[in-house]
Amino acid sequence: MTPPVRLGEQSVAWVESEILAINAARISGQSDEQIKQLVKKLVSDRKELCGAAA
């Protein structure tokens, strides 16, 4: 899974689009290694997006 996003001191959430992408990959039968690569890409994309917003 991708890491959660901190919403507050005691609250976290996950990005819906990331969860949907991981679920779709699982349903389509991708291997654990393929899922790991997808998660790495999703995390990288999130970092790029956050960096662009700053």
Protein backbone atom coordinates (compact mmCIF):
# COMPACT_ATOMS: atom_id res chain seq x y z
CA MET A 1 0.00 0.00 0.00
CA THR A 2 1.01 3.59 -0.44
CA PRO A 3 1.75 5.53 2.72
CA PRO A 4 -1.14 7.44 4.29
CA VAL A 5 -1.51 11.20 4.18
CA ARG A 6 -1.52 12.88 7.58
CA LEU A 7 -4.68 14.96 8.08
CA GLY A 8 -4.06 15.95 11.66
CA GLU A 9 -2.32 14.96 14.82
CA GLN A 10 -4.22 11.68 15.09
CA SER A 11 -5.79 11.32 11.65
CA VAL A 12 -4.60 9.83 8.39
CA ALA A 13 -6.20 8.98 5.06
CA TRP A 14 -5.23 7.33 1.80
CA VAL A 15 -5.49 8.85 -1.66
CA GLU A 16 -8.52 7.28 -3.33
CA SER A 17 -7.00 7.19 -6.82
CA GLU A 18 -3.95 5.31 -5.47
CA ILE A 19 -6.12 2.72 -3.73
CA LEU A 20 -8.24 2.27 -6.86
CA ALA A 21 -5.11 1.79 -8.99
CA ILE A 22 -3.74 -0.85 -6.62
CA ASN A 23 -7.10 -2.64 -6.46
CA ALA A 24 -7.41 -2.63 -10.26
CA ALA A 25 -3.91 -4.07 -10.57
CA ARG A 26 -4.75 -6.84 -8.11
CA ILE A 27 -8.02 -7.64 -9.86
CA SER A 28 -6.24 -7.81 -13.22
CA GLY A 29 -3.89 -10.45 -11.79
CA GLN A 30 -0.66 -8.50 -11.60
CA SER A 31 2.12 -10.14 -9.60
CA ASP A 32 3.34 -8.93 -6.23
CA GLU A 33 6.44 -7.51 -7.94
CA GLN A 34 4.29 -5.59 -10.41
CA ILE A 35 2.21 -4.21 -7.53
CA LYS A 36 5.39 -3.13 -5.72
CA GLN A 37 6.53 -1.27 -8.84
CA LEU A 38 3.10 0.38 -9.15
CA VAL A 39 3.25 1.53 -5.52
CA LYS A 40 6.74 2.98 -6.08
CA LYS A 41 5.44 4.88 -9.11
CA LEU A 42 2.39 6.16 -7.21
CA VAL A 43 4.58 7.38 -4.35
CA SER A 44 6.95 9.06 -6.80
CA ASP A 45 4.07 10.71 -8.64
CA ARG A 46 2.65 11.99 -5.34
CA LYS A 47 6.01 13.50 -4.38
CA GLU A 48 6.29 15.22 -7.76
CA LEU A 49 2.76 16.57 -7.43
CA CYS A 50 3.40 17.86 -3.91
CA GLY A 51 6.67 19.45 -5.01
CA ALA A 52 4.96 21.19 -7.92
CA ALA A 53 2.26 22.56 -5.60
CA ALA A 54 4.81 24.09 -3.23
